[in-house]
Amino acid sequence: MQEIEAEIAREGFWDNPDATTAILKERTGLSQRIEAFKGLEKDLEDAGILLELAVEEDDAGTLAEVSGQIGELGRRMRQLSLDMMLDGVDDQNNAIVSINAGAGGTEAQDWAEMLFRMYLRWVEAKGFKSTIVDFQPGDEAGIKSVTFTATGLYAYGYLKSETGVHRLVRISPFNASGKRHTSFASVFVYPELDNTIEVDVEEKDLRIDVFRASGAGGQHVNKTSSAVRITHLPTGIVVQCQQEKSQHRNKDMAMKVLKSRLYEAEKRKQDERMQQIHDGKDDIAWGSQIRSYVLHPYQMVKDHRIGLDVGNVNGVLDGDIDVFIEGVLLSRKA
């Protein structure tokens, strides 16, 4: 922290506003952790004093109060421990989340929408903000794909473990015979890059197409060619944005998503061997099944990476996924 403060105090530090962003962001994160630790230290000391008084006076009411305080302190200590594990280069960044329905038509598209709702609920519960970048509605129900940003400190650090294939088993609501059906959807999570991280994208490597937006979006939809699709020719990565009325704003957002995906693709190449050494297998690679959500013949959500089973399926689908995120973080730091 002292080194950061010394850098900020250095003459000429504020001459380049773009270069200061990462350092100021790091200072904010460290300051929050230091304040959280100091707060825990003080509250733990206060609880200890109150416990001594309660024992001396044999005060059952005060003992119950201290017990509640200790439970809350335990929760805060666990949260701080988890925050300390988010020490990756991009962990403190905002996240870009893409959800794509697998094969299976309406069933898979409905499942993709259920996952989308689950993540929006989680974002809301964390006090983060979400913004839709691209939304492709399903043919009859659900969604074919959606991309959105989760804005908040360490959003990427938490959500990066959600990358992979999610499997749903249930009685089909779209089949009159009431047969059990298995659906798949994929989730990709990328860090949103700030202006201090440069990704070299040359115009000659891009194909930019404009088209009329489709789906929900207001009166401008289907009237003007405001939607933008960008194809990065060397890698074949395709991104598009159609949520804004302005073609210019859609292009800016699409470029932001493209740069994030190119950055993450390059970062995966560099980390591939380390990931294999660390995990013994590529647990979070595209195509891997990380979690199953079973609604029939029993109710259970199972994370296959850490072997964790949770019976409260409705709670999970309402955004209560911290137990899985924390479990994966802890297992990787063990």
Protein backbone atom coordinates (compact mmCIF):
# COMPACT_ATOMS: atom_id res chain seq x y z
CA MET A 1 0.00 0.00 0.00
CA GLN A 2 2.89 2.38 0.80
CA GLU A 3 4.39 1.77 -2.65
CA ILE A 4 1.05 2.65 -4.28
CA GLU A 5 0.71 5.85 -2.25
CA ALA A 6 4.28 6.79 -3.15
CA GLU A 7 3.53 6.25 -6.86
CA ILE A 8 0.41 8.42 -6.64
CA ALA A 9 2.40 11.16 -4.89
CA ARG A 10 5.08 11.04 -7.60
CA GLU A 11 5.42 14.21 -9.67
CA GLY A 12 3.75 13.82 -13.05
CA PHE A 13 1.53 10.90 -11.96
CA TRP A 14 -1.66 12.74 -12.97
CA ASP A 15 -0.34 13.86 -16.35
CA ASN A 16 -1.72 10.72 -18.04
CA PRO A 17 -5.24 10.05 -16.70
CA ASP A 18 -5.56 6.73 -18.56
CA ALA A 19 -2.42 5.34 -16.93
CA THR A 20 -3.68 6.15 -13.42
CA THR A 21 -6.84 4.03 -13.65
CA ALA A 22 -5.32 0.64 -12.78
CA ILE A 23 -3.31 2.02 -9.84
CA LEU A 24 -6.27 3.90 -8.36
CA LYS A 25 -8.44 0.80 -8.77
CA GLU A 26 -5.83 -1.33 -6.98
CA ARG A 27 -5.64 1.22 -4.16
CA THR A 28 -9.44 1.14 -3.77
CA GLY A 29 -9.44 -2.65 -3.51
CA LEU A 30 -6.59 -2.73 -0.99
CA SER A 31 -8.17 0.08 1.07
CA GLN A 32 -11.45 -1.82 1.27
CA ARG A 33 -9.67 -4.97 2.43
CA ILE A 34 -7.64 -3.08 5.05
CA GLU A 35 -10.76 -1.35 6.39
CA ALA A 36 -12.62 -4.67 6.47
CA PHE A 37 -9.77 -6.27 8.45
CA LYS A 38 -9.60 -3.36 10.92
CA GLY A 39 -13.36 -3.49 11.38
CA LEU A 40 -13.23 -7.23 12.07
CA GLU A 41 -10.38 -6.78 14.54
CA LYS A 42 -12.28 -4.12 16.49
CA ASP A 43 -15.62 -5.97 16.48
CA LEU A 44 -13.93 -9.20 17.57
CA GLU A 45 -12.29 -7.40 20.48
CA ASP A 46 -15.64 -5.84 21.48
CA ALA A 47 -17.36 -9.23 21.30
CA GLY A 48 -14.65 -10.73 23.52
CA ILE A 49 -15.18 -8.07 26.18
CA LEU A 50 -18.95 -8.50 26.04
CA LEU A 51 -18.55 -12.27 26.38
CA GLU A 52 -16.43 -11.89 29.52
CA LEU A 53 -19.06 -9.63 31.10
CA ALA A 54 -21.87 -11.99 30.17
CA VAL A 55 -20.05 -14.97 31.73
CA GLU A 56 -19.20 -13.05 34.92
CA GLU A 57 -22.81 -11.91 35.37
CA ASP A 58 -24.34 -15.17 34.09
CA ASP A 59 -26.47 -13.08 31.69
CA ALA A 60 -28.20 -15.47 29.27
CA GLY A 61 -29.59 -12.63 27.13
CA THR A 62 -26.16 -11.11 26.60
CA LEU A 63 -24.67 -14.54 25.87
CA ALA A 64 -27.27 -15.02 23.12
CA GLU A 65 -26.41 -11.58 21.73
CA VAL A 66 -22.69 -12.41 21.67
CA SER A 67 -23.43 -15.71 19.98
CA GLY A 68 -25.20 -13.88 17.17
CA GLN A 69 -22.33 -11.43 16.86
CA ILE A 70 -19.79 -14.25 16.60
CA GLY A 71 -21.83 -15.90 13.85
CA GLU A 72 -21.83 -12.65 11.87
CA LEU A 73 -18.11 -12.15 12.49
CA GLY A 74 -17.48 -15.65 11.15
CA ARG A 75 -19.38 -14.79 7.97
CA ARG A 76 -17.39 -11.57 7.51
CA MET A 77 -14.09 -13.37 8.11
CA ARG A 78 -14.97 -15.97 5.49
CA GLN A 79 -15.91 -13.24 3.01
CA LEU A 80 -12.63 -11.41 3.62
CA SER A 81 -10.70 -14.67 3.19
CA LEU A 82 -12.42 -15.24 -0.14
CA ASP A 83 -11.73 -11.67 -1.24
CA MET A 84 -8.04 -12.19 -0.44
CA MET A 85 -8.02 -15.16 -2.83
CA LEU A 86 -9.08 -12.93 -5.72
CA ASP A 87 -5.52 -11.95 -6.53
CA GLY A 88 -5.47 -12.66 -10.27
CA VAL A 89 -4.40 -9.98 -12.71
CA ASP A 90 -7.99 -9.37 -13.87
CA ASP A 91 -9.97 -10.50 -10.80
CA GLN A 92 -10.94 -7.00 -9.71
CA ASN A 93 -12.34 -6.13 -13.15
CA ASN A 94 -15.95 -6.08 -14.29
CA ALA A 95 -17.12 -9.24 -16.05
CA ILE A 96 -18.58 -9.87 -19.50
CA VAL A 97 -20.86 -12.92 -19.44
CA SER A 98 -22.12 -14.75 -22.53
CA ILE A 99 -24.78 -17.49 -22.34
CA ASN A 100 -25.57 -19.67 -25.36
CA ALA A 101 -28.30 -22.28 -25.71
CA GLY A 102 -27.10 -25.73 -26.76
CA ALA A 103 -28.69 -28.02 -29.31
CA GLY A 104 -32.32 -28.86 -28.62
CA GLY A 105 -34.36 -25.87 -29.77
CA THR A 106 -36.94 -24.47 -27.38
CA GLU A 107 -35.88 -26.67 -24.44
CA ALA A 108 -32.28 -25.43 -24.54
CA GLN A 109 -33.34 -21.84 -25.20
CA ASP A 110 -35.63 -21.89 -22.18
CA TRP A 111 -32.75 -23.24 -20.08
CA ALA A 112 -30.47 -20.45 -21.32
CA GLU A 113 -33.05 -17.90 -20.17
CA MET A 114 -33.27 -19.58 -16.75
CA LEU A 115 -29.49 -19.28 -16.40
CA PHE A 116 -29.64 -15.64 -17.48
CA ARG A 117 -32.21 -14.94 -14.77
CA MET A 118 -30.07 -16.80 -12.22
CA TYR A 119 -27.03 -14.65 -12.92
CA LEU A 120 -29.03 -11.41 -12.92
CA ARG A 121 -30.37 -12.31 -9.47
CA TRP A 122 -26.82 -13.02 -8.26
CA VAL A 123 -25.58 -9.70 -9.66
CA GLU A 124 -28.41 -7.85 -7.93
CA ALA A 125 -27.79 -9.61 -4.59
CA LYS A 126 -24.10 -8.63 -4.76
CA GLY A 127 -25.00 -4.99 -5.25
CA PHE A 128 -23.46 -5.03 -8.73
CA LYS A 129 -25.02 -3.63 -11.90
CA SER A 130 -25.83 -5.45 -15.14
CA THR A 131 -26.08 -4.12 -18.69
CA ILE A 132 -27.27 -6.15 -21.68
CA VAL A 133 -24.88 -5.99 -24.62
CA ASP A 134 -26.61 -8.40 -27.01
CA PHE A 135 -29.86 -10.37 -26.76
CA GLN A 136 -31.08 -13.01 -29.22
CA PRO A 137 -34.59 -14.23 -28.35
CA GLY A 138 -35.61 -17.84 -28.91
CA ASP A 139 -37.91 -18.91 -31.72
CA GLU A 140 -40.82 -19.82 -29.41
CA ALA A 141 -39.56 -19.21 -25.87
CA GLY A 142 -36.36 -18.49 -24.03
CA ILE A 143 -33.22 -17.05 -25.61
CA LYS A 144 -30.70 -18.28 -28.15
CA SER A 145 -27.91 -16.20 -26.63
CA VAL A 146 -27.27 -13.21 -24.42
CA THR A 147 -24.21 -11.18 -23.49
CA PHE A 148 -24.22 -8.81 -20.52
CA THR A 149 -21.77 -7.01 -18.28
CA ALA A 150 -21.61 -7.41 -14.50
CA THR A 151 -20.19 -4.18 -13.09
CA GLY A 152 -18.69 -4.29 -9.61
CA LEU A 153 -15.38 -4.74 -7.83
CA TYR A 154 -14.09 -8.32 -8.31
CA ALA A 155 -17.06 -9.29 -10.50
CA TYR A 156 -14.76 -11.21 -12.85
CA GLY A 157 -12.89 -12.84 -9.97
CA TYR A 158 -16.12 -14.38 -8.73
CA LEU A 159 -17.82 -15.18 -12.03
CA LYS A 160 -14.84 -16.62 -13.94
CA SER A 161 -15.43 -20.01 -12.32
CA GLU A 162 -18.87 -20.18 -13.98
CA THR A 163 -17.34 -20.74 -17.43
CA GLY A 164 -18.37 -24.11 -18.84
CA VAL A 165 -21.40 -26.18 -19.79
CA HIS A 166 -24.45 -26.23 -17.50
CA ARG A 167 -26.84 -29.21 -17.71
CA LEU A 168 -30.56 -29.26 -16.81
CA VAL A 169 -32.67 -32.40 -16.24
CA ARG A 170 -36.45 -31.94 -15.86
CA ILE A 171 -39.90 -32.89 -17.10
CA SER A 172 -40.33 -30.93 -20.30
CA PRO A 173 -42.91 -28.12 -20.07
CA PHE A 174 -43.01 -28.07 -23.88
CA ASN A 175 -43.85 -31.74 -24.36
CA ALA A 176 -47.42 -32.91 -23.81
CA SER A 177 -46.28 -36.47 -23.05
CA GLY A 178 -44.43 -35.22 -19.95
CA LYS A 179 -41.15 -36.95 -20.72
CA ARG A 180 -37.92 -36.19 -18.93
CA HIS A 181 -35.59 -33.98 -20.95
CA THR A 182 -31.91 -32.99 -20.69
CA SER A 183 -30.83 -29.54 -21.90
CA PHE A 184 -27.44 -27.86 -22.14
CA ALA A 185 -26.26 -24.25 -22.22
CA SER A 186 -22.75 -22.82 -22.23
CA VAL A 187 -21.47 -19.92 -20.16
CA PHE A 188 -18.35 -17.88 -20.97
CA VAL A 189 -16.98 -15.19 -18.66
CA TYR A 190 -14.35 -12.65 -19.72
CA PRO A 191 -12.75 -9.74 -17.86
CA GLU A 192 -13.79 -6.29 -19.05
CA LEU A 193 -10.58 -4.50 -19.96
CA ASP A 194 -9.85 -0.96 -18.88
CA ASN A 195 -8.06 1.58 -21.07
CA THR A 196 -4.63 0.81 -19.59
CA ILE A 197 -4.58 -2.68 -21.14
CA GLU A 198 -3.93 -2.60 -24.85
CA VAL A 199 -5.05 -5.24 -27.32
CA ASP A 200 -3.70 -4.75 -30.85
CA VAL A 201 -6.64 -4.97 -33.26
CA GLU A 202 -5.91 -3.89 -36.83
CA GLU A 203 -8.66 -2.66 -39.14
CA LYS A 204 -7.53 -5.02 -41.91
CA ASP A 205 -8.29 -7.97 -39.61
CA LEU A 206 -11.92 -6.91 -39.09
CA ARG A 207 -15.10 -7.41 -41.07
CA ILE A 208 -17.82 -5.07 -39.84
CA ASP A 209 -21.44 -5.70 -40.83
CA VAL A 210 -24.47 -3.60 -39.95
CA PHE A 211 -28.01 -4.93 -39.89
CA ARG A 212 -31.42 -4.26 -38.46
CA ALA A 213 -31.88 -5.22 -34.81
CA SER A 214 -34.35 -7.96 -33.87
CA GLY A 215 -36.26 -8.81 -30.72
CA ALA A 216 -37.16 -6.56 -27.81
CA GLY A 217 -35.72 -3.10 -27.91
CA GLY A 218 -38.24 -0.38 -28.65
CA GLN A 219 -39.67 1.40 -31.67
CA HIS A 220 -36.30 1.77 -33.40
CA VAL A 221 -35.99 -2.00 -33.84
CA ASN A 222 -36.23 -3.19 -37.46
CA LYS A 223 -36.41 0.40 -38.79
CA THR A 224 -32.73 1.32 -39.03
CA SER A 225 -29.55 -0.70 -39.52
CA SER A 226 -28.15 0.16 -36.10
CA ALA A 227 -26.99 -3.32 -35.02
CA VAL A 228 -23.30 -4.10 -35.55
CA ARG A 229 -21.52 -7.43 -36.05
CA ILE A 230 -17.70 -7.56 -35.99
CA THR A 231 -15.75 -10.59 -37.20
CA HIS A 232 -12.08 -10.90 -36.27
CA LEU A 233 -10.75 -12.71 -39.35
CA PRO A 234 -7.52 -14.22 -37.92
CA THR A 235 -9.31 -15.95 -35.02
CA GLY A 236 -12.87 -16.25 -36.36
CA ILE A 237 -14.27 -14.59 -33.22
CA VAL A 238 -17.63 -12.93 -33.91
CA VAL A 239 -19.30 -10.39 -31.60
CA GLN A 240 -22.35 -8.25 -32.11
CA CYS A 241 -24.34 -5.59 -30.31
CA GLN A 242 -27.85 -4.36 -31.07
CA GLN A 243 -29.17 -2.96 -27.80
CA GLU A 244 -28.35 0.70 -28.45
CA LYS A 245 -30.22 2.96 -30.89
CA SER A 246 -26.96 4.38 -32.21
CA GLN A 247 -24.86 2.35 -34.65
CA HIS A 248 -21.78 4.14 -33.30
CA ARG A 249 -22.50 3.11 -29.71
CA ASN A 250 -23.22 -0.46 -30.78
CA LYS A 251 -19.88 -0.56 -32.59
CA ASP A 252 -18.02 0.78 -29.56
CA MET A 253 -19.59 -1.83 -27.30
CA ALA A 254 -18.93 -4.63 -29.81
CA MET A 255 -15.26 -3.58 -30.05
CA LYS A 256 -15.00 -3.62 -26.27
CA VAL A 257 -16.36 -7.18 -26.14
CA LEU A 258 -14.06 -8.25 -29.01
CA LYS A 259 -10.95 -6.89 -27.29
CA SER A 260 -11.92 -8.66 -24.07
CA ARG A 261 -12.37 -11.97 -25.90
CA LEU A 262 -9.07 -11.61 -27.78
CA TYR A 263 -7.29 -10.78 -24.52
CA GLU A 264 -8.80 -13.76 -22.74
CA ALA A 265 -7.97 -16.11 -25.63
CA GLU A 266 -4.32 -15.06 -25.50
CA LYS A 267 -4.26 -15.29 -21.72
CA ARG A 268 -5.68 -18.84 -21.88
CA LYS A 269 -2.84 -19.87 -24.20
CA GLN A 270 -0.25 -18.61 -21.73
CA ASP A 271 -1.96 -20.20 -18.73
CA GLU A 272 -2.79 -23.53 -20.39
CA ARG A 273 0.20 -25.47 -19.12
CA MET A 274 -0.05 -23.98 -15.62
CA GLN A 275 -3.74 -24.93 -15.53
CA GLN A 276 -2.91 -28.51 -16.51
CA ILE A 277 -0.21 -28.74 -13.85
CA HIS A 278 -2.47 -27.21 -11.19
CA ASP A 279 -5.66 -29.15 -11.83
CA GLY A 280 -4.42 -32.25 -13.61
CA LYS A 281 -7.07 -31.67 -16.23
CA ASP A 282 -8.68 -28.76 -18.04
CA ASP A 283 -11.69 -28.29 -15.76
CA ILE A 284 -12.89 -25.00 -17.20
CA ALA A 285 -12.25 -25.53 -20.88
CA TRP A 286 -14.99 -24.86 -23.39
CA GLY A 287 -17.13 -27.97 -23.75
CA SER A 288 -16.65 -29.24 -20.21
CA GLN A 289 -19.70 -29.88 -18.03
CA ILE A 290 -19.23 -28.13 -14.73
CA ARG A 291 -22.66 -28.36 -13.09
CA SER A 292 -25.92 -30.32 -13.32
CA TYR A 293 -29.32 -28.99 -12.21
CA VAL A 294 -31.77 -31.85 -11.64
CA LEU A 295 -35.48 -31.09 -11.18
CA HIS A 296 -36.77 -34.65 -11.81
CA PRO A 297 -36.92 -37.42 -10.56
CA TYR A 298 -35.32 -35.70 -7.54
CA GLN A 299 -34.13 -32.16 -6.89
CA MET A 300 -30.43 -31.44 -6.64
CA VAL A 301 -27.70 -29.20 -8.06
CA LYS A 302 -24.29 -30.86 -8.32
CA ASP A 303 -21.00 -29.14 -9.09
CA HIS A 304 -18.88 -31.82 -10.73
CA ARG A 305 -15.57 -30.02 -10.13
CA ILE A 306 -15.75 -30.06 -6.34
CA GLY A 307 -18.35 -32.81 -5.81
CA LEU A 308 -20.74 -30.46 -4.01
CA ASP A 309 -24.49 -31.29 -3.90
CA VAL A 310 -27.16 -28.74 -2.96
CA GLY A 311 -30.80 -29.71 -2.52
CA ASN A 312 -32.34 -26.24 -2.70
CA VAL A 313 -32.64 -26.05 -6.50
CA ASN A 314 -35.08 -23.14 -6.43
CA GLY A 315 -32.70 -21.11 -4.29
CA VAL A 316 -29.84 -21.77 -6.69
CA LEU A 317 -31.94 -20.79 -9.71
CA ASP A 318 -32.86 -17.60 -7.82
CA GLY A 319 -29.18 -16.64 -7.76
CA ASP A 320 -27.90 -18.34 -4.62
CA ILE A 321 -24.71 -19.67 -6.27
CA ASP A 322 -22.10 -18.32 -3.85
CA VAL A 323 -21.61 -21.76 -2.30
CA PHE A 324 -20.38 -23.06 -5.67
CA ILE A 325 -18.26 -20.01 -6.48
CA GLU A 326 -16.66 -20.07 -3.03
CA GLY A 327 -16.12 -23.83 -3.20
CA VAL A 328 -14.24 -23.58 -6.49
CA LEU A 329 -12.14 -20.65 -5.20
CA LEU A 330 -11.21 -22.56 -2.05
CA SER A 331 -10.39 -25.75 -3.95
CA ARG A 332 -8.05 -23.90 -6.31
CA LYS A 333 -6.22 -22.22 -3.46
CA ALA A 334 -5.97 -25.39 -1.34
